[in-house]
């Protein structure tokens, strides 16, 4: 079947405070807007009409809204654009303007007009698992996402909260890298996730102090 070849370069973007544009105001646009806002982006929506939830976001000043269709020049000053329209002329025009201006562009369900695509995601706090089929089978991506959602529960978010509090403190102690690696591996390959899943704070607290010392109890870590 041939060797491994990536059509897309996998990357996680920091879009906090970046100006992002969504063209379209329906349910798909709403999902895109919500994801962008959750990442801290500044979002502008261009659409003659908005879905009720988007109207609410505009009323709360969480997004800005231009109540009209797309116009050439709308991408000026934009870091990233997502087009959620069923108008092929608009989609092509947005893609062309983005290409001329070297702007990140996603045209929903039109991978040939995109320079990036948005993968299916499983989010558990700071754990982000993404699934991409390079646009070939969204149905398979959805199936895999559902399987991963079952496999990776909320305990992974709590585990990363603990690791996020522990890691800088361990590194600040100045131990050799090999010792730090051994400590982190002991935590990762322990029963810690099981105890988190069971809500056994006593066992979690005892284990952290056993591995790391008395200054690493949950209350000291602020958890």
N, C-alpha and C. Protein backbone atom coordinates (compact mmCIF):
# COMPACT_ATOMS: atom_id res chain seq x y z
N UNK A 1 0.82 -1.21 0.00
CA UNK A 1 0.00 0.00 0.00
C UNK A 1 0.86 1.26 0.00
N UNK A 2 2.18 1.09 0.03
CA UNK A 2 3.03 2.27 0.00
C UNK A 2 3.50 2.66 1.39
N UNK A 3 4.56 3.48 1.44
CA UNK A 3 5.12 3.93 2.71
C UNK A 3 4.30 5.04 3.33
N UNK A 4 4.69 5.40 4.56
CA UNK A 4 4.00 6.46 5.28
C UNK A 4 4.31 7.81 4.65
N UNK A 5 3.25 8.59 4.44
CA UNK A 5 3.43 9.93 3.88
C UNK A 5 2.39 10.85 4.48
N UNK A 6 2.85 11.96 5.03
CA UNK A 6 1.94 12.93 5.64
C UNK A 6 1.55 14.00 4.64
N UNK A 7 0.26 14.17 4.46
CA UNK A 7 -0.20 15.27 3.61
C UNK A 7 -0.17 16.59 4.37
N UNK A 8 -0.40 16.51 5.68
CA UNK A 8 -0.44 17.72 6.51
C UNK A 8 0.60 17.62 7.62
N UNK A 9 1.20 18.75 7.95
CA UNK A 9 2.15 18.81 9.06
C UNK A 9 1.37 19.06 10.35
N UNK A 10 1.42 18.14 11.30
CA UNK A 10 0.65 18.32 12.54
C UNK A 10 1.26 19.42 13.41
N UNK A 11 0.42 20.30 13.89
CA UNK A 11 0.91 21.44 14.67
C UNK A 11 -0.21 21.94 15.58
N UNK A 12 0.16 22.40 16.77
CA UNK A 12 -0.80 23.05 17.67
C UNK A 12 -0.48 24.54 17.68
N UNK A 13 -1.46 25.38 17.38
CA UNK A 13 -1.26 26.82 17.26
C UNK A 13 -1.69 27.55 18.52
N UNK A 14 -0.89 28.52 18.93
CA UNK A 14 -1.27 29.43 20.00
C UNK A 14 -1.95 30.64 19.34
N UNK A 15 -3.27 30.74 19.47
CA UNK A 15 -3.99 31.84 18.83
C UNK A 15 -4.55 32.83 19.85
N UNK A 16 -4.03 32.79 21.06
CA UNK A 16 -4.50 33.74 22.07
C UNK A 16 -4.28 35.17 21.59
N UNK A 17 -5.35 35.97 21.65
CA UNK A 17 -5.35 37.38 21.25
C UNK A 17 -5.11 37.58 19.76
N UNK A 18 -5.11 36.52 18.97
CA UNK A 18 -4.98 36.65 17.52
C UNK A 18 -6.36 36.95 16.91
N UNK A 19 -6.36 37.79 15.87
CA UNK A 19 -7.60 38.11 15.18
C UNK A 19 -7.98 36.99 14.23
N UNK A 20 -9.11 36.37 14.48
CA UNK A 20 -9.59 35.27 13.65
C UNK A 20 -10.95 35.64 13.05
N UNK A 21 -11.17 35.23 11.83
CA UNK A 21 -12.38 35.57 11.09
C UNK A 21 -13.16 34.31 10.76
N UNK A 22 -14.45 34.34 11.03
CA UNK A 22 -15.35 33.25 10.64
C UNK A 22 -16.37 33.83 9.68
N UNK A 23 -16.46 33.22 8.51
CA UNK A 23 -17.41 33.67 7.50
C UNK A 23 -18.57 32.67 7.47
N UNK A 24 -19.74 33.14 7.82
CA UNK A 24 -20.90 32.27 7.97
C UNK A 24 -21.46 32.41 9.37
N UNK A 25 -22.76 32.18 9.52
CA UNK A 25 -23.38 32.40 10.83
C UNK A 25 -24.27 31.29 11.30
N UNK A 26 -24.16 30.10 10.72
CA UNK A 26 -25.01 28.97 11.09
C UNK A 26 -24.42 28.12 12.20
N UNK A 27 -24.93 26.88 12.31
CA UNK A 27 -24.51 26.00 13.40
C UNK A 27 -23.05 25.58 13.28
N UNK A 28 -22.58 25.36 12.06
CA UNK A 28 -21.17 24.99 11.88
C UNK A 28 -20.29 26.16 12.29
N UNK A 29 -20.65 27.37 11.86
CA UNK A 29 -19.89 28.56 12.25
C UNK A 29 -19.89 28.72 13.76
N UNK A 30 -21.01 28.43 14.38
CA UNK A 30 -21.11 28.53 15.84
C UNK A 30 -20.08 27.63 16.52
N UNK A 31 -19.96 26.38 16.05
CA UNK A 31 -18.98 25.47 16.64
C UNK A 31 -17.56 26.00 16.45
N UNK A 32 -17.28 26.53 15.27
CA UNK A 32 -15.95 27.07 15.02
C UNK A 32 -15.66 28.26 15.92
N UNK A 33 -16.64 29.14 16.07
CA UNK A 33 -16.48 30.31 16.92
C UNK A 33 -16.21 29.89 18.37
N UNK A 34 -16.97 28.93 18.86
CA UNK A 34 -16.81 28.49 20.25
C UNK A 34 -15.41 27.92 20.48
N UNK A 35 -14.91 27.15 19.53
CA UNK A 35 -13.56 26.60 19.68
C UNK A 35 -12.51 27.69 19.66
N UNK A 36 -12.65 28.64 18.75
CA UNK A 36 -11.70 29.75 18.67
C UNK A 36 -11.70 30.56 19.96
N UNK A 37 -12.89 30.85 20.48
CA UNK A 37 -12.98 31.62 21.72
C UNK A 37 -12.36 30.85 22.88
N UNK A 38 -12.55 29.54 22.92
CA UNK A 38 -11.99 28.74 24.00
C UNK A 38 -10.47 28.76 23.99
N UNK A 39 -9.89 29.07 22.83
CA UNK A 39 -8.43 29.17 22.70
C UNK A 39 -7.94 30.60 22.91
N UNK A 40 -8.84 31.51 23.25
CA UNK A 40 -8.43 32.88 23.55
C UNK A 40 -8.33 33.80 22.37
N UNK A 41 -8.86 33.39 21.22
CA UNK A 41 -8.78 34.24 20.02
C UNK A 41 -9.76 35.40 20.10
N UNK A 42 -9.46 36.44 19.34
CA UNK A 42 -10.42 37.53 19.11
C UNK A 42 -11.15 37.18 17.81
N UNK A 43 -12.46 37.09 17.88
CA UNK A 43 -13.22 36.53 16.76
C UNK A 43 -14.16 37.56 16.15
N UNK A 44 -14.09 37.64 14.84
CA UNK A 44 -15.02 38.47 14.07
C UNK A 44 -15.81 37.54 13.15
N UNK A 45 -17.11 37.77 13.06
CA UNK A 45 -17.98 36.96 12.21
C UNK A 45 -18.58 37.84 11.13
N UNK A 46 -18.48 37.37 9.90
CA UNK A 46 -19.10 38.06 8.77
C UNK A 46 -20.22 37.18 8.25
N UNK A 47 -21.45 37.65 8.39
CA UNK A 47 -22.61 36.89 7.92
C UNK A 47 -23.85 37.78 7.98
N UNK A 48 -24.72 37.70 6.97
CA UNK A 48 -25.95 38.50 7.03
C UNK A 48 -26.81 38.14 8.23
N UNK A 49 -26.79 36.87 8.65
CA UNK A 49 -27.60 36.41 9.77
C UNK A 49 -26.74 35.56 10.70
N UNK A 50 -27.17 35.48 11.96
CA UNK A 50 -26.46 34.68 12.96
C UNK A 50 -27.40 33.71 13.63
N UNK A 51 -26.89 32.52 13.94
CA UNK A 51 -27.62 31.58 14.78
C UNK A 51 -27.85 32.23 16.15
N UNK A 52 -28.91 31.82 16.86
CA UNK A 52 -29.24 32.48 18.14
C UNK A 52 -28.08 32.58 19.12
N UNK A 53 -27.30 31.50 19.26
CA UNK A 53 -26.19 31.55 20.22
C UNK A 53 -25.14 32.58 19.79
N UNK A 54 -24.88 32.67 18.50
CA UNK A 54 -23.93 33.68 18.02
C UNK A 54 -24.47 35.08 18.24
N UNK A 55 -25.77 35.25 18.09
CA UNK A 55 -26.38 36.55 18.39
C UNK A 55 -26.10 36.93 19.85
N UNK A 56 -26.23 35.93 20.72
CA UNK A 56 -25.96 36.18 22.13
C UNK A 56 -24.51 36.57 22.38
N UNK A 57 -23.58 35.89 21.72
CA UNK A 57 -22.16 36.22 21.88
C UNK A 57 -21.87 37.63 21.38
N UNK A 58 -22.51 37.99 20.27
CA UNK A 58 -22.33 39.35 19.75
C UNK A 58 -22.90 40.38 20.71
N UNK A 59 -24.08 40.07 21.28
CA UNK A 59 -24.70 40.99 22.24
C UNK A 59 -23.86 41.16 23.49
N UNK A 60 -23.13 40.12 23.87
CA UNK A 60 -22.26 40.17 25.05
C UNK A 60 -20.87 40.72 24.71
N UNK A 61 -20.68 41.12 23.47
CA UNK A 61 -19.40 41.68 23.00
C UNK A 61 -18.26 40.67 23.05
N UNK A 62 -18.60 39.38 23.02
CA UNK A 62 -17.55 38.36 22.99
C UNK A 62 -17.04 38.13 21.58
N UNK A 63 -17.83 38.52 20.59
CA UNK A 63 -17.39 38.51 19.20
C UNK A 63 -17.84 39.82 18.56
N UNK A 64 -17.22 40.18 17.44
CA UNK A 64 -17.72 41.30 16.64
C UNK A 64 -18.41 40.72 15.41
N UNK A 65 -19.37 41.47 14.89
CA UNK A 65 -20.20 40.94 13.81
C UNK A 65 -20.39 41.98 12.73
N UNK A 66 -20.10 41.60 11.50
CA UNK A 66 -20.43 42.41 10.32
C UNK A 66 -21.63 41.74 9.65
N UNK A 67 -22.78 42.42 9.68
CA UNK A 67 -24.03 41.83 9.19
C UNK A 67 -24.15 41.97 7.68
N UNK A 68 -23.33 41.22 6.98
CA UNK A 68 -23.31 41.25 5.51
C UNK A 68 -22.55 40.02 5.03
N UNK A 69 -22.51 39.86 3.73
CA UNK A 69 -21.72 38.79 3.15
C UNK A 69 -20.25 39.14 3.06
N UNK A 70 -19.45 38.16 2.71
CA UNK A 70 -18.01 38.36 2.54
C UNK A 70 -17.71 39.37 1.45
N UNK A 71 -16.69 40.21 1.70
CA UNK A 71 -16.19 41.15 0.71
C UNK A 71 -14.68 41.04 0.63
N UNK A 72 -14.14 41.24 -0.56
CA UNK A 72 -12.68 41.26 -0.71
C UNK A 72 -12.10 42.31 0.23
N UNK A 73 -11.05 41.95 0.93
CA UNK A 73 -10.45 42.83 1.91
C UNK A 73 -10.81 42.48 3.34
N UNK A 74 -11.79 41.59 3.52
CA UNK A 74 -12.17 41.19 4.88
C UNK A 74 -11.04 40.49 5.62
N UNK A 75 -10.08 39.97 4.89
CA UNK A 75 -8.99 39.24 5.54
C UNK A 75 -7.83 40.14 5.97
N UNK A 76 -7.93 41.43 5.72
CA UNK A 76 -6.86 42.34 6.13
C UNK A 76 -6.68 42.29 7.65
N UNK A 77 -5.45 42.06 8.09
CA UNK A 77 -5.15 42.02 9.52
C UNK A 77 -5.57 40.75 10.23
N UNK A 78 -5.99 39.76 9.46
CA UNK A 78 -6.48 38.51 10.05
C UNK A 78 -5.35 37.48 10.12
N UNK A 79 -5.29 36.75 11.23
CA UNK A 79 -4.31 35.69 11.40
C UNK A 79 -4.80 34.38 10.79
N UNK A 80 -6.11 34.14 10.94
CA UNK A 80 -6.69 32.86 10.53
C UNK A 80 -8.14 33.09 10.11
N UNK A 81 -8.57 32.40 9.06
CA UNK A 81 -9.95 32.52 8.60
C UNK A 81 -10.56 31.13 8.43
N UNK A 82 -11.83 31.03 8.82
CA UNK A 82 -12.61 29.81 8.60
C UNK A 82 -13.87 30.21 7.85
N UNK A 83 -14.11 29.59 6.71
CA UNK A 83 -15.32 29.87 5.93
C UNK A 83 -16.29 28.70 6.08
N UNK A 84 -17.51 29.02 6.50
CA UNK A 84 -18.54 27.99 6.71
C UNK A 84 -19.74 28.32 5.84
N UNK A 85 -19.55 28.38 4.56
CA UNK A 85 -20.64 28.71 3.65
C UNK A 85 -20.85 27.58 2.65
N UNK A 86 -22.02 27.58 2.03
CA UNK A 86 -22.28 26.60 0.96
C UNK A 86 -22.25 27.28 -0.41
N UNK A 87 -21.62 28.45 -0.45
CA UNK A 87 -21.50 29.21 -1.70
C UNK A 87 -20.12 28.96 -2.29
N UNK A 88 -20.00 28.21 -3.37
CA UNK A 88 -18.68 27.88 -3.93
C UNK A 88 -17.90 29.11 -4.37
N UNK A 89 -18.58 30.14 -4.84
CA UNK A 89 -17.88 31.36 -5.26
C UNK A 89 -17.25 32.06 -4.07
N UNK A 90 -17.99 32.13 -2.97
CA UNK A 90 -17.44 32.75 -1.75
C UNK A 90 -16.27 31.93 -1.23
N UNK A 91 -16.43 30.62 -1.18
CA UNK A 91 -15.35 29.76 -0.69
C UNK A 91 -14.07 29.94 -1.51
N UNK A 92 -14.21 29.97 -2.81
CA UNK A 92 -13.05 30.14 -3.69
C UNK A 92 -12.41 31.50 -3.50
N UNK A 93 -13.24 32.53 -3.36
CA UNK A 93 -12.71 33.89 -3.19
C UNK A 93 -11.97 34.02 -1.87
N UNK A 94 -12.51 33.45 -0.81
CA UNK A 94 -11.85 33.50 0.50
C UNK A 94 -10.51 32.77 0.43
N UNK A 95 -10.51 31.59 -0.17
CA UNK A 95 -9.29 30.81 -0.30
C UNK A 95 -8.24 31.57 -1.10
N UNK A 96 -8.65 32.21 -2.17
CA UNK A 96 -7.71 32.96 -3.02
C UNK A 96 -7.13 34.15 -2.28
N UNK A 97 -7.98 34.89 -1.55
CA UNK A 97 -7.47 36.04 -0.80
C UNK A 97 -6.51 35.58 0.29
N UNK A 98 -6.84 34.49 0.97
CA UNK A 98 -5.96 33.98 2.01
C UNK A 98 -4.61 33.55 1.44
N UNK A 99 -4.64 32.93 0.27
CA UNK A 99 -3.40 32.49 -0.36
C UNK A 99 -2.53 33.69 -0.73
N UNK A 100 -3.15 34.73 -1.27
CA UNK A 100 -2.38 35.92 -1.66
C UNK A 100 -1.74 36.59 -0.45
N UNK A 101 -2.42 36.54 0.67
CA UNK A 101 -1.97 37.27 1.85
C UNK A 101 -1.29 36.37 2.89
N UNK A 102 -1.04 35.12 2.51
CA UNK A 102 -0.37 34.17 3.41
C UNK A 102 -1.07 34.05 4.76
N UNK A 103 -2.38 33.85 4.69
CA UNK A 103 -3.21 33.73 5.89
C UNK A 103 -3.67 32.28 6.02
N UNK A 104 -3.67 31.78 7.24
CA UNK A 104 -4.17 30.43 7.49
C UNK A 104 -5.65 30.37 7.13
N UNK A 105 -6.02 29.37 6.34
CA UNK A 105 -7.38 29.32 5.78
C UNK A 105 -7.96 27.92 5.84
N UNK A 106 -9.15 27.83 6.40
CA UNK A 106 -9.90 26.57 6.40
C UNK A 106 -11.27 26.82 5.79
N UNK A 107 -11.57 26.10 4.72
CA UNK A 107 -12.89 26.13 4.11
C UNK A 107 -13.56 24.81 4.49
N UNK A 108 -14.61 24.88 5.28
CA UNK A 108 -15.22 23.68 5.84
C UNK A 108 -15.65 22.71 4.74
N UNK A 109 -15.22 21.47 4.89
CA UNK A 109 -15.56 20.37 3.96
C UNK A 109 -14.99 20.56 2.55
N UNK A 110 -14.02 21.45 2.40
CA UNK A 110 -13.37 21.67 1.10
C UNK A 110 -11.85 21.66 1.28
N UNK A 111 -11.28 20.48 1.56
CA UNK A 111 -9.85 20.43 1.87
C UNK A 111 -8.95 20.96 0.76
N UNK A 112 -9.39 20.87 -0.49
CA UNK A 112 -8.56 21.36 -1.59
C UNK A 112 -8.43 22.88 -1.59
N UNK A 113 -9.33 23.57 -0.87
CA UNK A 113 -9.26 25.03 -0.78
C UNK A 113 -8.59 25.51 0.50
N UNK A 114 -8.12 24.57 1.31
CA UNK A 114 -7.55 24.89 2.62
C UNK A 114 -6.03 24.82 2.60
N UNK A 115 -5.40 25.59 3.48
CA UNK A 115 -3.99 25.32 3.77
C UNK A 115 -3.83 24.73 5.17
N UNK A 116 -4.94 24.52 5.87
CA UNK A 116 -4.94 23.69 7.07
C UNK A 116 -6.34 23.11 7.24
N UNK A 117 -6.40 21.96 7.90
CA UNK A 117 -7.69 21.37 8.24
C UNK A 117 -7.75 21.18 9.75
N UNK A 118 -8.96 21.14 10.28
CA UNK A 118 -9.15 21.01 11.72
C UNK A 118 -9.44 19.55 12.05
N UNK A 119 -8.62 18.92 12.88
CA UNK A 119 -8.84 17.51 13.19
C UNK A 119 -10.01 17.33 14.15
N UNK A 120 -10.48 16.10 14.25
CA UNK A 120 -11.42 15.74 15.30
C UNK A 120 -10.65 15.71 16.62
N UNK A 121 -11.30 16.11 17.71
CA UNK A 121 -10.56 16.31 18.96
C UNK A 121 -11.21 15.61 20.14
N UNK A 122 -10.36 15.13 21.04
CA UNK A 122 -10.78 14.68 22.36
C UNK A 122 -10.05 15.57 23.36
N UNK A 123 -10.79 16.24 24.21
CA UNK A 123 -10.21 17.20 25.14
C UNK A 123 -10.51 16.77 26.57
N UNK A 124 -9.46 16.63 27.34
CA UNK A 124 -9.58 16.31 28.76
C UNK A 124 -8.66 17.27 29.52
N UNK A 125 -9.15 18.45 29.83
CA UNK A 125 -8.31 19.45 30.45
C UNK A 125 -7.19 19.84 29.50
N UNK A 126 -5.95 19.68 29.94
CA UNK A 126 -4.80 20.02 29.10
C UNK A 126 -4.40 18.89 28.15
N UNK A 127 -5.09 17.77 28.24
CA UNK A 127 -4.83 16.68 27.29
C UNK A 127 -5.65 16.90 26.03
N UNK A 128 -4.97 17.01 24.92
CA UNK A 128 -5.63 17.19 23.63
C UNK A 128 -5.18 16.07 22.70
N UNK A 129 -6.11 15.24 22.28
CA UNK A 129 -5.84 14.16 21.33
C UNK A 129 -6.55 14.50 20.04
N UNK A 130 -5.83 14.52 18.94
CA UNK A 130 -6.44 14.88 17.67
C UNK A 130 -6.39 13.71 16.70
N UNK A 131 -7.42 13.63 15.86
CA UNK A 131 -7.53 12.56 14.87
C UNK A 131 -7.78 13.19 13.52
N UNK A 132 -6.97 12.82 12.55
CA UNK A 132 -7.16 13.34 11.20
C UNK A 132 -7.09 12.21 10.19
N UNK A 133 -7.97 12.26 9.21
CA UNK A 133 -7.91 11.32 8.08
C UNK A 133 -7.57 12.07 6.80
N UNK A 134 -6.98 13.26 6.95
CA UNK A 134 -6.63 14.11 5.80
C UNK A 134 -7.86 14.42 4.95
N UNK A 135 -9.01 14.46 5.60
CA UNK A 135 -10.24 14.78 4.90
C UNK A 135 -10.86 13.63 4.13
N UNK A 136 -10.26 12.44 4.23
CA UNK A 136 -10.75 11.32 3.42
C UNK A 136 -11.96 10.61 4.04
N UNK A 137 -12.06 10.64 5.36
CA UNK A 137 -13.19 9.95 5.98
C UNK A 137 -13.53 10.59 7.33
N UNK A 138 -14.31 11.67 7.32
CA UNK A 138 -14.76 12.25 8.59
C UNK A 138 -15.51 11.24 9.46
N UNK A 139 -16.20 10.28 8.83
CA UNK A 139 -16.93 9.27 9.59
C UNK A 139 -15.98 8.41 10.42
N UNK A 140 -14.83 8.05 9.84
CA UNK A 140 -13.85 7.27 10.59
C UNK A 140 -13.25 8.10 11.71
N UNK A 141 -12.96 9.37 11.43
CA UNK A 141 -12.43 10.25 12.47
C UNK A 141 -13.41 10.35 13.64
N UNK A 142 -14.70 10.44 13.34
CA UNK A 142 -15.72 10.50 14.39
C UNK A 142 -15.75 9.21 15.20
N UNK A 143 -15.67 8.06 14.51
CA UNK A 143 -15.66 6.77 15.20
C UNK A 143 -14.47 6.66 16.15
N UNK A 144 -13.29 7.04 15.66
CA UNK A 144 -12.09 6.97 16.49
C UNK A 144 -12.19 7.92 17.67
N UNK A 145 -12.76 9.11 17.43
CA UNK A 145 -12.92 10.07 18.53
C UNK A 145 -13.82 9.49 19.62
N UNK A 146 -14.90 8.86 19.23
CA UNK A 146 -15.81 8.27 20.21
C UNK A 146 -15.12 7.17 21.01
N UNK A 147 -14.30 6.37 20.35
CA UNK A 147 -13.57 5.31 21.04
C UNK A 147 -12.56 5.91 22.03
N UNK A 148 -11.88 6.97 21.62
CA UNK A 148 -10.91 7.61 22.49
C UNK A 148 -11.59 8.30 23.67
N UNK A 149 -12.78 8.87 23.44
CA UNK A 149 -13.52 9.49 24.54
C UNK A 149 -13.87 8.47 25.61
N UNK A 150 -14.17 7.24 25.18
CA UNK A 150 -14.46 6.18 26.14
C UNK A 150 -13.19 5.73 26.87
N UNK A 151 -12.07 5.74 26.17
CA UNK A 151 -10.82 5.23 26.74
C UNK A 151 -10.14 6.23 27.66
N UNK A 152 -10.30 7.52 27.39
CA UNK A 152 -9.61 8.55 28.16
C UNK A 152 -10.64 9.44 28.85
N UNK A 153 -10.84 9.16 30.14
CA UNK A 153 -11.86 9.87 30.91
C UNK A 153 -11.34 11.13 31.57
N UNK A 154 -12.19 11.70 32.43
CA UNK A 154 -11.88 12.96 33.10
C UNK A 154 -10.65 12.84 34.00
N UNK A 155 -10.33 11.61 34.42
CA UNK A 155 -9.18 11.44 35.31
C UNK A 155 -7.88 11.93 34.68
N UNK A 156 -7.82 11.95 33.34
CA UNK A 156 -6.60 12.42 32.68
C UNK A 156 -6.43 13.93 32.84
N UNK A 157 -7.53 14.66 32.90
CA UNK A 157 -7.44 16.10 33.16
C UNK A 157 -6.90 16.33 34.56
N UNK A 158 -7.40 15.57 35.55
CA UNK A 158 -6.94 15.72 36.92
C UNK A 158 -5.49 15.27 37.07
N UNK A 159 -5.12 14.21 36.36
CA UNK A 159 -3.73 13.75 36.39
C UNK A 159 -2.79 14.85 35.90
N UNK A 160 -3.17 15.52 34.83
CA UNK A 160 -2.30 16.57 34.29
C UNK A 160 -2.27 17.80 35.19
N UNK A 161 -3.34 18.04 35.94
CA UNK A 161 -3.29 19.11 36.94
C UNK A 161 -2.21 18.81 37.97
N UNK A 162 -2.16 17.56 38.40
CA UNK A 162 -1.15 17.16 39.38
C UNK A 162 0.24 17.26 38.77
N UNK A 163 0.42 16.72 37.57
CA UNK A 163 1.73 16.76 36.93
C UNK A 163 2.17 18.20 36.66
N UNK A 164 1.21 19.05 36.29
CA UNK A 164 1.55 20.45 36.04
C UNK A 164 2.02 21.17 37.29
N UNK A 165 1.52 20.74 38.46
CA UNK A 165 1.97 21.33 39.72
C UNK A 165 3.28 20.72 40.19
N UNK A 166 3.46 19.43 39.92
CA UNK A 166 4.64 18.71 40.39
C UNK A 166 5.88 19.04 39.56
N UNK A 167 5.74 19.06 38.25
CA UNK A 167 6.90 19.10 37.36
C UNK A 167 7.83 20.29 37.62
N UNK A 168 7.33 21.53 37.67
CA UNK A 168 8.27 22.64 37.89
C UNK A 168 8.97 22.57 39.24
N UNK A 169 8.29 22.03 40.24
CA UNK A 169 8.91 21.91 41.57
C UNK A 169 10.03 20.89 41.54
N UNK A 170 9.80 19.77 40.85
CA UNK A 170 10.83 18.74 40.74
C UNK A 170 12.03 19.28 39.97
N UNK A 171 11.78 19.95 38.85
CA UNK A 171 12.87 20.48 38.04
C UNK A 171 13.68 21.53 38.79
N UNK A 172 13.00 22.28 39.66
CA UNK A 172 13.69 23.34 40.40
C UNK A 172 14.67 22.80 41.44
N UNK A 173 14.58 21.52 41.75
CA UNK A 173 15.47 20.93 42.75
C UNK A 173 16.87 20.67 42.21
N UNK A 174 17.04 20.75 40.91
CA UNK A 174 18.37 20.64 40.33
C UNK A 174 18.93 19.24 40.26
N UNK A 175 18.09 18.24 40.29
CA UNK A 175 18.57 16.87 40.15
C UNK A 175 19.05 16.62 38.73
N UNK A 176 19.85 15.57 38.52
CA UNK A 176 20.23 15.19 37.15
C UNK A 176 18.99 14.83 36.34
N UNK A 177 19.07 15.02 35.04
CA UNK A 177 17.94 14.74 34.17
C UNK A 177 17.47 13.29 34.30
N UNK A 178 18.42 12.38 34.46
CA UNK A 178 18.06 10.96 34.55
C UNK A 178 17.19 10.69 35.78
N UNK A 179 17.48 11.38 36.89
CA UNK A 179 16.67 11.20 38.09
C UNK A 179 15.27 11.78 37.91
N UNK A 180 15.21 12.96 37.29
CA UNK A 180 13.90 13.56 37.03
C UNK A 180 13.06 12.65 36.13
N UNK A 181 13.69 12.10 35.11
CA UNK A 181 12.97 11.22 34.20
C UNK A 181 12.44 10.00 34.93
N UNK A 182 13.24 9.46 35.84
CA UNK A 182 12.81 8.28 36.61
C UNK A 182 11.61 8.62 37.50
N UNK A 183 11.63 9.81 38.09
CA UNK A 183 10.52 10.24 38.95
C UNK A 183 9.24 10.38 38.14
N UNK A 184 9.34 11.08 37.01
CA UNK A 184 8.14 11.30 36.19
C UNK A 184 7.59 9.98 35.64
N UNK A 185 8.49 9.09 35.26
CA UNK A 185 8.04 7.78 34.76
C UNK A 185 7.36 6.98 35.87
N UNK A 186 7.86 7.09 37.08
CA UNK A 186 7.23 6.37 38.19
C UNK A 186 5.80 6.87 38.40
N UNK A 187 5.61 8.17 38.28
CA UNK A 187 4.27 8.73 38.43
C UNK A 187 3.35 8.27 37.29
N UNK A 188 3.87 8.35 36.07
CA UNK A 188 3.05 8.03 34.90
C UNK A 188 2.68 6.55 34.86
N UNK A 189 3.61 5.69 35.24
CA UNK A 189 3.37 4.25 35.14
C UNK A 189 2.87 3.64 36.45
N UNK A 190 2.44 4.47 37.36
CA UNK A 190 1.90 4.00 38.64
C UNK A 190 0.39 3.78 38.53
N UNK A 191 -0.23 3.52 39.66
CA UNK A 191 -1.69 3.39 39.73
C UNK A 191 -2.37 4.73 39.99
N UNK A 192 -1.63 5.81 39.82
CA UNK A 192 -2.15 7.14 40.14
C UNK A 192 -3.45 7.44 39.41
N UNK A 193 -3.52 7.10 38.12
CA UNK A 193 -4.74 7.35 37.36
C UNK A 193 -5.93 6.58 37.94
N UNK A 194 -5.68 5.35 38.39
CA UNK A 194 -6.76 4.56 38.99
C UNK A 194 -7.26 5.21 40.27
N UNK A 195 -6.35 5.71 41.08
CA UNK A 195 -6.75 6.35 42.34
C UNK A 195 -7.49 7.66 42.07
N UNK A 196 -7.07 8.37 41.04
CA UNK A 196 -7.79 9.59 40.67
C UNK A 196 -9.20 9.24 40.21
N UNK A 197 -9.30 8.20 39.39
CA UNK A 197 -10.60 7.77 38.89
C UNK A 197 -11.53 7.39 40.05
N UNK A 198 -10.96 6.78 41.08
CA UNK A 198 -11.75 6.35 42.23
C UNK A 198 -11.97 7.47 43.24
N UNK A 199 -11.32 8.61 43.04
CA UNK A 199 -11.47 9.72 43.97
C UNK A 199 -10.78 9.48 45.30
N UNK A 200 -9.75 8.64 45.32
CA UNK A 200 -9.05 8.27 46.56
C UNK A 200 -7.94 9.28 46.85
N UNK A 201 -8.32 10.42 47.41
CA UNK A 201 -7.34 11.48 47.69
C UNK A 201 -6.31 11.05 48.73
N UNK A 202 -6.72 10.23 49.67
CA UNK A 202 -5.78 9.78 50.70
C UNK A 202 -4.65 8.98 50.08
N UNK A 203 -4.99 8.05 49.19
CA UNK A 203 -3.96 7.22 48.55
C UNK A 203 -3.11 8.06 47.61
N UNK A 204 -3.72 8.99 46.91
CA UNK A 204 -2.97 9.88 46.01
C UNK A 204 -1.96 10.68 46.81
N UNK A 205 -2.43 11.27 47.91
CA UNK A 205 -1.58 12.12 48.75
C UNK A 205 -0.41 11.32 49.30
N UNK A 206 -0.71 10.12 49.80
CA UNK A 206 0.33 9.27 50.38
C UNK A 206 1.38 8.90 49.33
N UNK A 207 0.92 8.57 48.13
CA UNK A 207 1.84 8.16 47.06
C UNK A 207 2.74 9.32 46.62
N UNK A 208 2.15 10.50 46.44
CA UNK A 208 2.96 11.65 46.03
C UNK A 208 4.05 11.95 47.05
N UNK A 209 3.70 11.88 48.32
CA UNK A 209 4.70 12.17 49.35
C UNK A 209 5.73 11.05 49.44
N UNK A 210 5.31 9.83 49.18
CA UNK A 210 6.25 8.70 49.17
C UNK A 210 7.29 8.86 48.07
N UNK A 211 6.84 9.28 46.88
CA UNK A 211 7.74 9.40 45.73
C UNK A 211 8.54 10.69 45.77
N UNK A 212 7.89 11.78 46.19
CA UNK A 212 8.47 13.11 46.02
C UNK A 212 8.90 13.80 47.31
N UNK A 213 8.32 13.39 48.43
CA UNK A 213 8.64 14.03 49.68
C UNK A 213 7.42 14.70 50.30
N UNK A 214 7.50 15.04 51.60
CA UNK A 214 6.34 15.58 52.32
C UNK A 214 5.84 16.92 51.78
N UNK A 215 6.69 17.64 51.07
CA UNK A 215 6.28 18.94 50.53
C UNK A 215 5.45 18.81 49.26
N UNK A 216 5.10 17.60 48.88
CA UNK A 216 4.34 17.38 47.65
C UNK A 216 2.94 16.81 47.89
N UNK A 217 2.37 17.10 49.05
CA UNK A 217 0.99 16.69 49.29
C UNK A 217 0.03 17.50 48.45
N UNK A 218 -1.18 16.99 48.27
CA UNK A 218 -2.17 17.66 47.42
C UNK A 218 -2.48 19.06 47.91
N UNK A 219 -2.60 19.23 49.23
CA UNK A 219 -2.94 20.55 49.75
C UNK A 219 -1.82 21.55 49.50
N UNK A 220 -0.57 21.08 49.62
CA UNK A 220 0.58 21.95 49.35
C UNK A 220 0.62 22.33 47.87
N UNK A 221 0.25 21.39 47.00
CA UNK A 221 0.24 21.64 45.57
C UNK A 221 -0.96 22.48 45.13
N UNK A 222 -1.89 22.72 46.06
CA UNK A 222 -3.06 23.51 45.72
C UNK A 222 -4.10 22.76 44.93
N UNK A 223 -4.18 21.45 45.14
CA UNK A 223 -5.12 20.61 44.38
C UNK A 223 -6.14 19.97 45.33
